[in-house]
PDB file of N, CA and C in Angstrom:
ATOM      1  N   MET A   1      -3.660   6.651 -11.491  1.00  0.00           N
ATOM      2  CA  MET A   1      -4.365   7.175 -10.354  1.00  0.00           C
ATOM      3  C   MET A   1      -3.438   8.123  -9.595  1.00  0.00           C
ATOM      4  N   ILE A   2      -4.029   9.110  -8.997  1.00  0.00           N
ATOM      5  CA  ILE A   2      -3.285  10.100  -8.230  1.00  0.00           C
ATOM      6  C   ILE A   2      -3.554   9.867  -6.738  1.00  0.00           C
ATOM      7  N   ILE A   3      -2.498   9.860  -5.950  1.00  0.00           N
ATOM      8  CA  ILE A   3      -2.623   9.758  -4.496  1.00  0.00           C
ATOM      9  C   ILE A   3      -2.328  11.142  -3.932  1.00  0.00           C
ATOM     10  N   LYS A   4      -3.286  11.668  -3.136  1.00  0.00           N
ATOM     11  CA  LYS A   4      -3.151  13.014  -2.581  1.00  0.00           C
ATOM     12  C   LYS A   4      -3.352  12.991  -1.069  1.00  0.00           C
ATOM     13  N   ARG A   5      -2.783  14.008  -0.422  1.00  0.00           N
ATOM     14  CA  ARG A   5      -3.059  14.296   0.984  1.00  0.00           C
ATOM     15  C   ARG A   5      -3.236  15.798   1.082  1.00  0.00           C
ATOM     16  N   ASN A   6      -4.357  16.229   1.660  1.00  0.00           N
ATOM     17  CA  ASN A   6      -4.669  17.664   1.770  1.00  0.00           C
ATOM     18  C   ASN A   6      -4.590  18.347   0.406  1.00  0.00           C
ATOM     19  N   ASN A   7      -5.141  17.701  -0.612  1.00  0.00           N
ATOM     20  CA  ASN A   7      -5.161  18.194  -1.994  1.00  0.00           C
ATOM     21  C   ASN A   7      -3.772  18.390  -2.600  1.00  0.00           C
ATOM     22  N   LYS A   8      -2.741  17.858  -1.972  1.00  0.00           N
ATOM     23  CA  LYS A   8      -1.392  17.920  -2.525  1.00  0.00           C
ATOM     24  C   LYS A   8      -1.046  16.551  -3.091  1.00  0.00           C
ATOM     25  N   LYS A   9      -0.611  16.537  -4.331  1.00  0.00           N
ATOM     26  CA  LYS A   9      -0.256  15.284  -4.995  1.00  0.00           C
ATOM     27  C   LYS A   9       0.988  14.678  -4.358  1.00  0.00           C
ATOM     28  N   LEU A  10       0.849  13.426  -3.932  1.00  0.00           N
ATOM     29  CA  LEU A  10       1.992  12.695  -3.393  1.00  0.00           C
ATOM     30  C   LEU A  10       2.652  11.853  -4.473  1.00  0.00           C
ATOM     31  N   ALA A  11       1.811  11.187  -5.280  1.00  0.00           N
ATOM     32  CA  ALA A  11       2.368  10.276  -6.287  1.00  0.00           C
ATOM     33  C   ALA A  11       1.324   9.922  -7.326  1.00  0.00           C
ATOM     34  N   GLU A  12       1.822   9.538  -8.497  1.00  0.00           N
ATOM     35  CA  GLU A  12       0.965   8.896  -9.487  1.00  0.00           C
ATOM     36  C   GLU A  12       1.140   7.412  -9.286  1.00  0.00           C
ATOM     37  N   GLY A  13       0.039   6.741  -9.105  1.00  0.00           N
ATOM     38  CA  GLY A  13       0.101   5.312  -8.860  1.00  0.00           C
ATOM     39  C   GLY A  13      -0.683   4.545  -9.898  1.00  0.00           C
ATOM     40  N   LYS A  14      -0.660   3.249  -9.766  1.00  0.00           N
ATOM     41  CA  LYS A  14      -1.419   2.380 -10.660  1.00  0.00           C
ATOM     42  C   LYS A  14      -2.371   1.554  -9.809  1.00  0.00           C
ATOM     43  N   PHE A  15      -3.644   1.536 -10.194  1.00  0.00           N
ATOM     44  CA  PHE A  15      -4.644   0.740  -9.497  1.00  0.00           C
ATOM     45  C   PHE A  15      -4.584  -0.679 -10.039  1.00  0.00           C
ATOM     46  N   LEU A  16      -4.294  -1.623  -9.171  1.00  0.00           N
ATOM     47  CA  LEU A  16      -4.175  -3.019  -9.589  1.00  0.00           C
ATOM     48  C   LEU A  16      -5.474  -3.790  -9.392  1.00  0.00           C
ATOM     49  N   GLY A  17      -6.419  -3.226  -8.657  1.00  0.00           N
ATOM     50  CA  GLY A  17      -7.730  -3.848  -8.497  1.00  0.00           C
ATOM     51  C   GLY A  17      -7.759  -4.950  -7.466  1.00  0.00           C
ATOM     52  N   LYS A  18      -8.813  -5.755  -7.571  1.00  0.00           N
ATOM     53  CA  LYS A  18      -9.020  -6.885  -6.665  1.00  0.00           C
ATOM     54  C   LYS A  18      -8.375  -8.127  -7.266  1.00  0.00           C
ATOM     55  N   PHE A  19      -8.046  -9.079  -6.436  1.00  0.00           N
ATOM     56  CA  PHE A  19      -7.439 -10.348  -6.858  1.00  0.00           C
ATOM     57  C   PHE A  19      -6.148 -10.128  -7.635  1.00  0.00           C
ATOM     58  N   SER A  20      -5.386  -9.146  -7.268  1.00  0.00           N
ATOM     59  CA  SER A  20      -4.151  -8.835  -7.979  1.00  0.00           C
ATOM     60  C   SER A  20      -2.959  -9.530  -7.335  1.00  0.00           C
ATOM     61  N   LEU A  21      -1.959  -9.778  -8.134  1.00  0.00           N
ATOM     62  CA  LEU A  21      -0.704 -10.318  -7.619  1.00  0.00           C
ATOM     63  C   LEU A  21       0.192  -9.221  -7.057  1.00  0.00           C
ATOM     64  N   GLY A  22      -0.240  -7.982  -7.196  1.00  0.00           N
ATOM     65  CA  GLY A  22       0.582  -6.887  -6.693  1.00  0.00           C
ATOM     66  C   GLY A  22       1.908  -6.838  -7.421  1.00  0.00           C
ATOM     67  N   LEU A  23       2.981  -6.754  -6.673  1.00  0.00           N
ATOM     68  CA  LEU A  23       4.307  -6.600  -7.275  1.00  0.00           C
ATOM     69  C   LEU A  23       5.112  -7.896  -7.286  1.00  0.00           C
ATOM     70  N   ILE A  24       4.423  -9.010  -7.165  1.00  0.00           N
ATOM     71  CA  ILE A  24       5.082 -10.311  -7.248  1.00  0.00           C
ATOM     72  C   ILE A  24       5.709 -10.468  -8.633  1.00  0.00           C
ATOM     73  N   PHE A  25       6.944 -10.918  -8.674  1.00  0.00           N
ATOM     74  CA  PHE A  25       7.729 -11.174  -9.887  1.00  0.00           C
ATOM     75  C   PHE A  25       8.129  -9.907 -10.649  1.00  0.00           C
ATOM     76  N   LYS A  26       7.874  -8.723 -10.103  1.00  0.00           N
ATOM     77  CA  LYS A  26       8.271  -7.479 -10.773  1.00  0.00           C
ATOM     78  C   LYS A  26       9.689  -7.119 -10.340  1.00  0.00           C
ATOM     79  N   ARG A  27      10.562  -6.944 -11.303  1.00  0.00           N
ATOM     80  CA  ARG A  27      11.951  -6.587 -11.012  1.00  0.00           C
ATOM     81  C   ARG A  27      12.124  -5.080 -10.818  1.00  0.00           C
ATOM     82  N   LYS A  28      11.355  -4.285 -11.570  1.00  0.00           N
ATOM     83  CA  LYS A  28      11.444  -2.829 -11.481  1.00  0.00           C
ATOM     84  C   LYS A  28      10.045  -2.257 -11.316  1.00  0.00           C
ATOM     85  N   LEU A  29       9.966  -1.141 -10.606  1.00  0.00           N
ATOM     86  CA  LEU A  29       8.690  -0.454 -10.427  1.00  0.00           C
ATOM     87  C   LEU A  29       8.543   0.613 -11.501  1.00  0.00           C
ATOM     88  N   LYS A  30       7.431   0.592 -12.222  1.00  0.00           N
ATOM     89  CA  LYS A  30       7.175   1.625 -13.231  1.00  0.00           C
ATOM     90  C   LYS A  30       6.503   2.839 -12.605  1.00  0.00           C
ATOM     91  N   HIS A  31       5.856   2.630 -11.464  1.00  0.00           N
ATOM     92  CA  HIS A  31       5.175   3.708 -10.745  1.00  0.00           C
ATOM     93  C   HIS A  31       5.718   3.751  -9.321  1.00  0.00           C
ATOM     94  N   GLU A  32       5.511   4.882  -8.651  1.00  0.00           N
ATOM     95  CA  GLU A  32       5.992   5.012  -7.275  1.00  0.00           C
ATOM     96  C   GLU A  32       5.103   4.246  -6.297  1.00  0.00           C
ATOM     97  N   ALA A  33       3.833   4.037  -6.679  1.00  0.00           N
ATOM     98  CA  ALA A  33       2.902   3.359  -5.776  1.00  0.00           C
ATOM     99  C   ALA A  33       1.886   2.547  -6.569  1.00  0.00           C
ATOM    100  N   TYR A  34       1.435   1.460  -5.954  1.00  0.00           N
ATOM    101  CA  TYR A  34       0.435   0.574  -6.552  1.00  0.00           C
ATOM    102  C   TYR A  34      -0.665   0.352  -5.525  1.00  0.00           C
ATOM    103  N   ILE A  35      -1.923   0.450  -5.958  1.00  0.00           N
ATOM    104  CA  ILE A  35      -3.057   0.350  -5.049  1.00  0.00           C
ATOM    105  C   ILE A  35      -3.811  -0.941  -5.300  1.00  0.00           C
ATOM    106  N   LEU A  36      -4.019  -1.703  -4.225  1.00  0.00           N
ATOM    107  CA  LEU A  36      -4.818  -2.924  -4.298  1.00  0.00           C
ATOM    108  C   LEU A  36      -6.075  -2.715  -3.462  1.00  0.00           C
ATOM    109  N   GLU A  37      -7.176  -3.302  -3.888  1.00  0.00           N
ATOM    110  CA  GLU A  37      -8.433  -3.207  -3.151  1.00  0.00           C
ATOM    111  C   GLU A  37      -8.824  -4.586  -2.639  1.00  0.00           C
ATOM    112  N   SER A  38      -9.141  -4.666  -1.361  1.00  0.00           N
ATOM    113  CA  SER A  38      -9.601  -5.922  -0.764  1.00  0.00           C
ATOM    114  C   SER A  38     -11.076  -6.127  -1.084  1.00  0.00           C
ATOM    115  N   LEU A  39     -11.526  -7.367  -0.994  1.00  0.00           N
ATOM    116  CA  LEU A  39     -12.944  -7.651  -1.220  1.00  0.00           C
ATOM    117  C   LEU A  39     -13.819  -6.963  -0.190  1.00  0.00           C
ATOM    118  N   ASN A  40     -13.344  -6.908   1.045  1.00  0.00           N
ATOM    119  CA  ASN A  40     -14.079  -6.193   2.084  1.00  0.00           C
ATOM    120  C   ASN A  40     -13.076  -5.610   3.069  1.00  0.00           C
ATOM    121  N   GLU A  41     -13.571  -4.787   3.955  1.00  0.00           N
ATOM    122  CA  GLU A  41     -12.694  -4.151   4.935  1.00  0.00           C
ATOM    123  C   GLU A  41     -12.476  -5.109   6.104  1.00  0.00           C
ATOM    124  N   SER A  42     -11.301  -5.685   6.156  1.00  0.00           N
ATOM    125  CA  SER A  42     -10.972  -6.607   7.249  1.00  0.00           C
ATOM    126  C   SER A  42      -9.459  -6.757   7.334  1.00  0.00           C
ATOM    127  N   ILE A  43      -9.018  -7.309   8.436  1.00  0.00           N
ATOM    128  CA  ILE A  43      -7.588  -7.588   8.582  1.00  0.00           C
ATOM    129  C   ILE A  43      -7.201  -8.729   7.654  1.00  0.00           C
ATOM    130  N   TRP A  44      -7.997  -9.778   7.662  1.00  0.00           N
ATOM    131  CA  TRP A  44      -7.674 -10.967   6.871  1.00  0.00           C
ATOM    132  C   TRP A  44      -7.587 -10.664   5.371  1.00  0.00           C
ATOM    133  N   SER A  45      -8.579  -9.958   4.828  1.00  0.00           N
ATOM    134  CA  SER A  45      -8.587  -9.747   3.370  1.00  0.00           C
ATOM    135  C   SER A  45      -7.558  -8.717   2.905  1.00  0.00           C
ATOM    136  N   SER A  46      -6.994  -7.956   3.827  1.00  0.00           N
ATOM    137  CA  SER A  46      -5.963  -6.985   3.434  1.00  0.00           C
ATOM    138  C   SER A  46      -4.557  -7.440   3.847  1.00  0.00           C
ATOM    139  N   THR A  47      -4.451  -8.675   4.316  1.00  0.00           N
ATOM    140  CA  THR A  47      -3.145  -9.253   4.627  1.00  0.00           C
ATOM    141  C   THR A  47      -2.445  -9.622   3.321  1.00  0.00           C
ATOM    142  N   ILE A  48      -1.177  -9.299   3.222  1.00  0.00           N
ATOM    143  CA  ILE A  48      -0.425  -9.587   1.998  1.00  0.00           C
ATOM    144  C   ILE A  48       0.802 -10.430   2.343  1.00  0.00           C
ATOM    145  N   HIS A  49       1.463 -10.936   1.323  1.00  0.00           N
ATOM    146  CA  HIS A  49       2.757 -11.599   1.505  1.00  0.00           C
ATOM    147  C   HIS A  49       3.734 -10.972   0.517  1.00  0.00           C
ATOM    148  N   THR A  50       5.003 -11.213   0.749  1.00  0.00           N
ATOM    149  CA  THR A  50       6.016 -10.647  -0.149  1.00  0.00           C
ATOM    150  C   THR A  50       6.904 -11.737  -0.756  1.00  0.00           C
ATOM    151  N   PHE A  51       6.356 -12.934  -0.909  1.00  0.00           N
ATOM    152  CA  PHE A  51       7.096 -13.969  -1.635  1.00  0.00           C
ATOM    153  C   PHE A  51       7.293 -13.503  -3.074  1.00  0.00           C
ATOM    154  N   PHE A  52       8.463 -13.675  -3.593  1.00  0.00           N
ATOM    155  CA  PHE A  52       8.803 -13.321  -4.970  1.00  0.00           C
ATOM    156  C   PHE A  52       8.655 -11.827  -5.254  1.00  0.00           C
ATOM    157  N   VAL A  53       8.762 -11.009  -4.217  1.00  0.00           N
ATOM    158  CA  VAL A  53       8.873  -9.560  -4.379  1.00  0.00           C
ATOM    159  C   VAL A  53      10.358  -9.265  -4.194  1.00  0.00           C
ATOM    160  N   PHE A  54      10.959  -8.665  -5.202  1.00  0.00           N
ATOM    161  CA  PHE A  54      12.414  -8.573  -5.245  1.00  0.00           C
ATOM    162  C   PHE A  54      13.000  -7.272  -4.713  1.00  0.00           C
ATOM    163  N   GLN A  55      12.184  -6.396  -4.169  1.00  0.00           N
ATOM    164  CA  GLN A  55      12.698  -5.183  -3.550  1.00  0.00           C
ATOM    165  C   GLN A  55      11.915  -4.885  -2.280  1.00  0.00           C
ATOM    166  N   ASN A  56      12.546  -4.150  -1.374  1.00  0.00           N
ATOM    167  CA  ASN A  56      11.831  -3.724  -0.174  1.00  0.00           C
ATOM    168  C   ASN A  56      10.794  -2.686  -0.568  1.00  0.00           C
ATOM    169  N   LEU A  57       9.634  -2.773   0.039  1.00  0.00           N
ATOM    170  CA  LEU A  57       8.535  -1.861  -0.250  1.00  0.00           C
ATOM    171  C   LEU A  57       8.044  -1.220   1.033  1.00  0.00           C
ATOM    172  N   ASP A  58       7.456  -0.041   0.908  1.00  0.00           N
ATOM    173  CA  ASP A  58       6.687   0.542   1.996  1.00  0.00           C
ATOM    174  C   ASP A  58       5.239   0.123   1.771  1.00  0.00           C
ATOM    175  N   ILE A  59       4.577  -0.331   2.825  1.00  0.00           N
ATOM    176  CA  ILE A  59       3.194  -0.784   2.734  1.00  0.00           C
ATOM    177  C   ILE A  59       2.331   0.147   3.576  1.00  0.00           C
ATOM    178  N   ILE A  60       1.222   0.613   2.983  1.00  0.00           N
ATOM    179  CA  ILE A  60       0.293   1.500   3.675  1.00  0.00           C
ATOM    180  C   ILE A  60      -1.091   0.882   3.573  1.00  0.00           C
ATOM    181  N   TRP A  61      -1.737   0.682   4.712  1.00  0.00           N
ATOM    182  CA  TRP A  61      -3.095   0.135   4.731  1.00  0.00           C
ATOM    183  C   TRP A  61      -4.073   1.264   5.020  1.00  0.00           C
ATOM    184  N   LEU A  62      -5.140   1.335   4.227  1.00  0.00           N
ATOM    185  CA  LEU A  62      -6.177   2.361   4.377  1.00  0.00           C
ATOM    186  C   LEU A  62      -7.517   1.700   4.650  1.00  0.00           C
ATOM    187  N   ASN A  63      -8.353   2.362   5.452  1.00  0.00           N
ATOM    188  CA  ASN A  63      -9.704   1.846   5.644  1.00  0.00           C
ATOM    189  C   ASN A  63     -10.596   2.317   4.495  1.00  0.00           C
ATOM    190  N   LYS A  64     -11.880   2.010   4.577  1.00  0.00           N
ATOM    191  CA  LYS A  64     -12.799   2.343   3.479  1.00  0.00           C
ATOM    192  C   LYS A  64     -12.932   3.847   3.260  1.00  0.00           C
ATOM    193  N   ASP A  65     -12.566   4.644   4.271  1.00  0.00           N
ATOM    194  CA  ASP A  65     -12.611   6.107   4.161  1.00  0.00           C
ATOM    195  C   ASP A  65     -11.257   6.691   3.753  1.00  0.00           C
ATOM    196  N   TYR A  66     -10.327   5.830   3.346  1.00  0.00           N
ATOM    197  CA  TYR A  66      -8.977   6.210   2.907  1.00  0.00           C
ATOM    198  C   TYR A  66      -8.113   6.787   4.031  1.00  0.00           C
ATOM    199  N   LYS A  67      -8.441   6.449   5.255  1.00  0.00           N
ATOM    200  CA  LYS A  67      -7.635   6.859   6.406  1.00  0.00           C
ATOM    201  C   LYS A  67      -6.549   5.807   6.637  1.00  0.00           C
ATOM    202  N   ILE A  68      -5.327   6.250   6.883  1.00  0.00           N
ATOM    203  CA  ILE A  68      -4.222   5.327   7.135  1.00  0.00           C
ATOM    204  C   ILE A  68      -4.448   4.642   8.483  1.00  0.00           C
ATOM    205  N   VAL A  69      -4.535   3.304   8.451  1.00  0.00           N
ATOM    206  CA  VAL A  69      -4.733   2.541   9.684  1.00  0.00           C
ATOM    207  C   VAL A  69      -3.464   1.809  10.117  1.00  0.00           C
ATOM    208  N   ASP A  70      -2.515   1.637   9.214  1.00  0.00           N
ATOM    209  CA  ASP A  70      -1.245   1.001   9.562  1.00  0.00           C
ATOM    210  C   ASP A  70      -0.251   1.221   8.426  1.00  0.00           C
ATOM    211  N   MET A  71       1.031   1.152   8.756  1.00  0.00           N
ATOM    212  CA  MET A  71       2.092   1.304   7.762  1.00  0.00           C
ATOM    213  C   MET A  71       3.264   0.415   8.142  1.00  0.00           C
ATOM    214  N   LEU A  72       4.035   0.059   7.140  1.00  0.00           N
ATOM    215  CA  LEU A  72       5.249  -0.721   7.361  1.00  0.00           C
ATOM    216  C   LEU A  72       6.317  -0.208   6.399  1.00  0.00           C
ATOM    217  N   GLU A  73       7.391   0.322   6.955  1.00  0.00           N
ATOM    218  CA  GLU A  73       8.487   0.810   6.124  1.00  0.00           C
ATOM    219  C   GLU A  73       9.433  -0.334   5.790  1.00  0.00           C
ATOM    220  N   ALA A  74       9.914  -0.337   4.565  1.00  0.00           N
ATOM    221  CA  ALA A  74      10.887  -1.340   4.099  1.00  0.00           C
ATOM    222  C   ALA A  74      10.451  -2.755   4.477  1.00  0.00           C
ATOM    223  N   ALA A  75       9.264  -3.115   4.032  1.00  0.00           N
ATOM    224  CA  ALA A  75       8.721  -4.449   4.327  1.00  0.00           C
ATOM    225  C   ALA A  75       9.702  -5.521   3.873  1.00  0.00           C
ATOM    226  N   PRO A  76       9.937  -6.508   4.711  1.00  0.00           N
ATOM    227  CA  PRO A  76      10.895  -7.551   4.345  1.00  0.00           C
ATOM    228  C   PRO A  76      10.417  -8.377   3.156  1.00  0.00           C
ATOM    229  N   ARG A  77      11.357  -8.738   2.313  1.00  0.00           N
ATOM    230  CA  ARG A  77      11.037  -9.583   1.156  1.00  0.00           C
ATOM    231  C   ARG A  77      10.852 -11.023   1.604  1.00  0.00           C
ATOM    232  N   PHE A  78      10.094 -11.771   0.814  1.00  0.00           N
ATOM    233  CA  PHE A  78       9.864 -13.202   1.040  1.00  0.00           C
ATOM    234  C   PHE A  78       9.282 -13.491   2.430  1.00  0.00           C
ATOM    235  N   LYS A  79       8.366 -12.636   2.854  1.00  0.00           N
ATOM    236  CA  LYS A  79       7.683 -12.799   4.141  1.00  0.00           C
ATOM    237  C   LYS A  79       6.311 -13.416   3.894  1.00  0.00           C
ATOM    238  N   TRP A  80       5.946 -14.396   4.712  1.00  0.00           N
ATOM    239  CA  TRP A  80       4.703 -15.143   4.519  1.00  0.00           C
ATOM    240  C   TRP A  80       3.461 -14.298   4.759  1.00  0.00           C
ATOM    241  N   SER A  81       3.459 -13.454   5.786  1.00  0.00           N
ATOM    242  CA  SER A  81       2.233 -12.739   6.128  1.00  0.00           C
ATOM    243  C   SER A  81       2.543 -11.364   6.711  1.00  0.00           C
ATOM    244  N   LEU A  82       1.969 -10.335   6.091  1.00  0.00           N
ATOM    245  CA  LEU A  82       2.060  -8.966   6.595  1.00  0.00           C
ATOM    246  C   LEU A  82       0.631  -8.459   6.744  1.00  0.00           C
ATOM    247  N   ALA A  83       0.204  -8.274   7.977  1.00  0.00           N
ATOM    248  CA  ALA A  83      -1.185  -7.899   8.254  1.00  0.00           C
ATOM    249  C   ALA A  83      -1.243  -6.539   8.939  1.00  0.00           C
ATOM    250  N   PRO A  84      -2.287  -5.770   8.645  1.00  0.00           N
ATOM    251  CA  PRO A  84      -2.460  -4.494   9.343  1.00  0.00           C
ATOM    252  C   PRO A  84      -2.946  -4.731  10.772  1.00  0.00           C
ATOM    253  N   LYS A  85      -2.761  -3.735  11.621  1.00  0.00           N
ATOM    254  CA  LYS A  85      -3.230  -3.833  13.007  1.00  0.00           C
ATOM    255  C   LYS A  85      -4.727  -3.571  13.120  1.00  0.00           C
ATOM    256  N   GLU A  86      -5.289  -2.885  12.120  1.00  0.00           N
ATOM    257  CA  GLU A  86      -6.724  -2.594  12.091  1.00  0.00           C
ATOM    258  C   GLU A  86      -7.288  -3.031  10.743  1.00  0.00           C
ATOM    259  N   LYS A  87      -8.609  -3.073  10.657  1.00  0.00           N
ATOM    260  CA  LYS A  87      -9.270  -3.443   9.403  1.00  0.00           C
ATOM    261  C   LYS A  87      -8.879  -2.465   8.300  1.00  0.00           C
ATOM    262  N   ALA A  88      -8.639  -3.001   7.116  1.00  0.00           N
ATOM    263  CA  ALA A  88      -8.265  -2.166   5.970  1.00  0.00           C
ATOM    264  C   ALA A  88      -9.015  -2.620   4.728  1.00  0.00           C
ATOM    265  N   LYS A  89      -9.264  -1.691   3.833  1.00  0.00           N
ATOM    266  CA  LYS A  89      -9.924  -1.964   2.556  1.00  0.00           C
ATOM    267  C   LYS A  89      -8.937  -1.858   1.400  1.00  0.00           C
ATOM    268  N   TYR A  90      -7.949  -0.966   1.529  1.00  0.00           N
ATOM    269  CA  TYR A  90      -6.983  -0.719   0.461  1.00  0.00           C
ATOM    270  C   TYR A  90      -5.563  -0.927   0.980  1.00  0.00           C
ATOM    271  N   VAL A  91      -4.703  -1.394   0.095  1.00  0.00           N
ATOM    272  CA  VAL A  91      -3.288  -1.561   0.415  1.00  0.00           C
ATOM    273  C   VAL A  91      -2.496  -0.818  -0.657  1.00  0.00           C
ATOM    274  N   ILE A  92      -1.599   0.031  -0.220  1.00  0.00           N
ATOM    275  CA  ILE A  92      -0.697   0.711  -1.147  1.00  0.00           C
ATOM    276  C   ILE A  92       0.677   0.070  -0.990  1.00  0.00           C
ATOM    277  N   GLU A  93       1.188  -0.474  -2.081  1.00  0.00           N
ATOM    278  CA  GLU A  93       2.553  -0.989  -2.124  1.00  0.00           C
ATOM    279  C   GLU A  93       3.374   0.090  -2.819  1.00  0.00           C
ATOM    280  N   ALA A  94       4.295   0.694  -2.086  1.00  0.00           N
ATOM    281  CA  ALA A  94       5.032   1.842  -2.611  1.00  0.00           C
ATOM    282  C   ALA A  94       6.536   1.586  -2.563  1.00  0.00           C
ATOM    283  N   SER A  95       7.249   2.399  -3.318  1.00  0.00           N
ATOM    284  CA  SER A  95       8.705   2.277  -3.341  1.00  0.00           C
ATOM    285  C   SER A  95       9.269   2.529  -1.945  1.00  0.00           C
ATOM    286  N   ASN A  96      10.376   1.874  -1.659  1.00  0.00           N
ATOM    287  CA  ASN A  96      11.030   2.010  -0.362  1.00  0.00           C
ATOM    288  C   ASN A  96      11.358   3.484  -0.118  1.00  0.00           C
ATOM    289  N   GLY A  97      10.982   4.008   1.038  1.00  0.00           N
ATOM    290  CA  GLY A  97      11.219   5.408   1.371  1.00  0.00           C
ATOM    291  C   GLY A  97      10.014   6.304   1.163  1.00  0.00           C
ATOM    292  N   PHE A  98       8.942   5.776   0.586  1.00  0.00           N
ATOM    293  CA  PHE A  98       7.736   6.560   0.287  1.00  0.00           C
ATOM    294  C   PHE A  98       7.127   7.159   1.558  1.00  0.00           C
ATOM    295  N   ILE A  99       7.019   6.372   2.615  1.00  0.00           N
ATOM    296  CA  ILE A  99       6.397   6.839   3.862  1.00  0.00           C
ATOM    297  C   ILE A  99       7.192   7.997   4.448  1.00  0.00           C
ATOM    298  N   LYS A 100       8.493   7.848   4.511  1.00  0.00           N
ATOM    299  CA  LYS A 100       9.352   8.892   5.077  1.00  0.00           C
ATOM    300  C   LYS A 100       9.359  10.132   4.183  1.00  0.00           C
ATOM    301  N   LYS A 101       9.456   9.932   2.885  1.00  0.00           N
ATOM    302  CA  LYS A 101       9.503  11.047   1.927  1.00  0.00           C
ATOM    303  C   LYS A 101       8.272  11.939   2.047  1.00  0.00           C
ATOM    304  N   HIS A 102       7.107  11.326   2.234  1.00  0.00           N
ATOM    305  CA  HIS A 102       5.854  12.087   2.287  1.00  0.00           C
ATOM    306  C   HIS A 102       5.364  12.326   3.715  1.00  0.00           C
ATOM    307  N   ARG A 103       6.183  11.951   4.691  1.00  0.00           N
ATOM    308  CA  ARG A 103       5.873  12.167   6.111  1.00  0.00           C
ATOM    309  C   ARG A 103       4.478  11.662   6.475  1.00  0.00           C
ATOM    310  N   LEU A 104       4.191  10.438   6.060  1.00  0.00           N
ATOM    311  CA  LEU A 104       2.883   9.854   6.343  1.00  0.00           C
ATOM    312  C   LEU A 104       2.820   9.379   7.788  1.00  0.00           C
ATOM    313  N   LYS A 105       1.610   9.496   8.361  1.00  0.00           N
ATOM    314  CA  LYS A 105       1.386   9.063   9.737  1.00  0.00           C
ATOM    315  C   LYS A 105       0.035   8.363   9.827  1.00  0.00           C
ATOM    316  N   ASN A 106      -0.071   7.433  10.783  1.00  0.00           N
ATOM    317  CA  ASN A 106      -1.357   6.783  11.021  1.00  0.00           C
ATOM    318  C   ASN A 106      -2.408   7.840  11.345  1.00  0.00           C
ATOM    319  N   GLY A 107      -3.613   7.631  10.834  1.00  0.00           N
ATOM    320  CA  GLY A 107      -4.713   8.557  11.076  1.00  0.00           C
ATOM    321  C   GLY A 107      -4.890   9.601   9.985  1.00  0.00           C
ATOM    322  N   GLN A 108      -3.864   9.825   9.163  1.00  0.00           N
ATOM    323  CA  GLN A 108      -4.004  10.787   8.068  1.00  0.00           C
ATOM    324  C   GLN A 108      -4.940  10.221   7.008  1.00  0.00           C
ATOM    325  N   LYS A 109      -5.636  11.114   6.338  1.00  0.00           N
ATOM    326  CA  LYS A 109      -6.559  10.699   5.289  1.00  0.00           C
ATOM    327  C   LYS A 109      -5.946  11.020   3.930  1.00  0.00           C
ATOM    328  N   LEU A 110      -5.989  10.037   3.040  1.00  0.00           N
ATOM    329  CA  LEU A 110      -5.500  10.219   1.676  1.00  0.00           C
ATOM    330  C   LEU A 110      -6.679  10.261   0.728  1.00  0.00           C
ATOM    331  N   LYS A 111      -6.430  10.752  -0.460  1.00  0.00           N
ATOM    332  CA  LYS A 111      -7.446  10.752  -1.509  1.00  0.00           C
ATOM    333  C   LYS A 111      -6.847  10.032  -2.709  1.00  0.00           C
ATOM    334  N   ILE A 112      -7.613   9.127  -3.283  1.00  0.00           N
ATOM    335  CA  ILE A 112      -7.168   8.401  -4.470  1.00  0.00           C
ATOM    336  C   ILE A 112      -8.164   8.686  -5.580  1.00  0.00           C
ATOM    337  N   SER A 113      -7.675   9.237  -6.679  1.00  0.00           N
ATOM    338  CA  SER A 113      -8.592   9.564  -7.789  1.00  0.00           C
ATOM    339  C   SER A 113      -7.957   9.233  -9.127  1.00  0.00           C
TER     340      SER A 113
END
């Protein structure tokens, strides 16, 4: 999958789908970003944990319209609960530094195709 902003490619990512373990137990990242989809758009269903995640990640939460509603740079490992401040439908787990590298900001709209 391609992640874009303003028709500019930011990264090639992998769609992990619903009910995914995300990057749990992964020692190395094969892609720069991984996309998870929540069952519905809510804070609760897009809350993640980082138990058994062995590297710091940047986390980006998107609503159903792919607008960034919250971000967390260098998310701490082995954390019980990481929740967005607003309802989210999609979660992007990206390599550490992804947010800064692409100058992402809350309110920006991304495209995933």
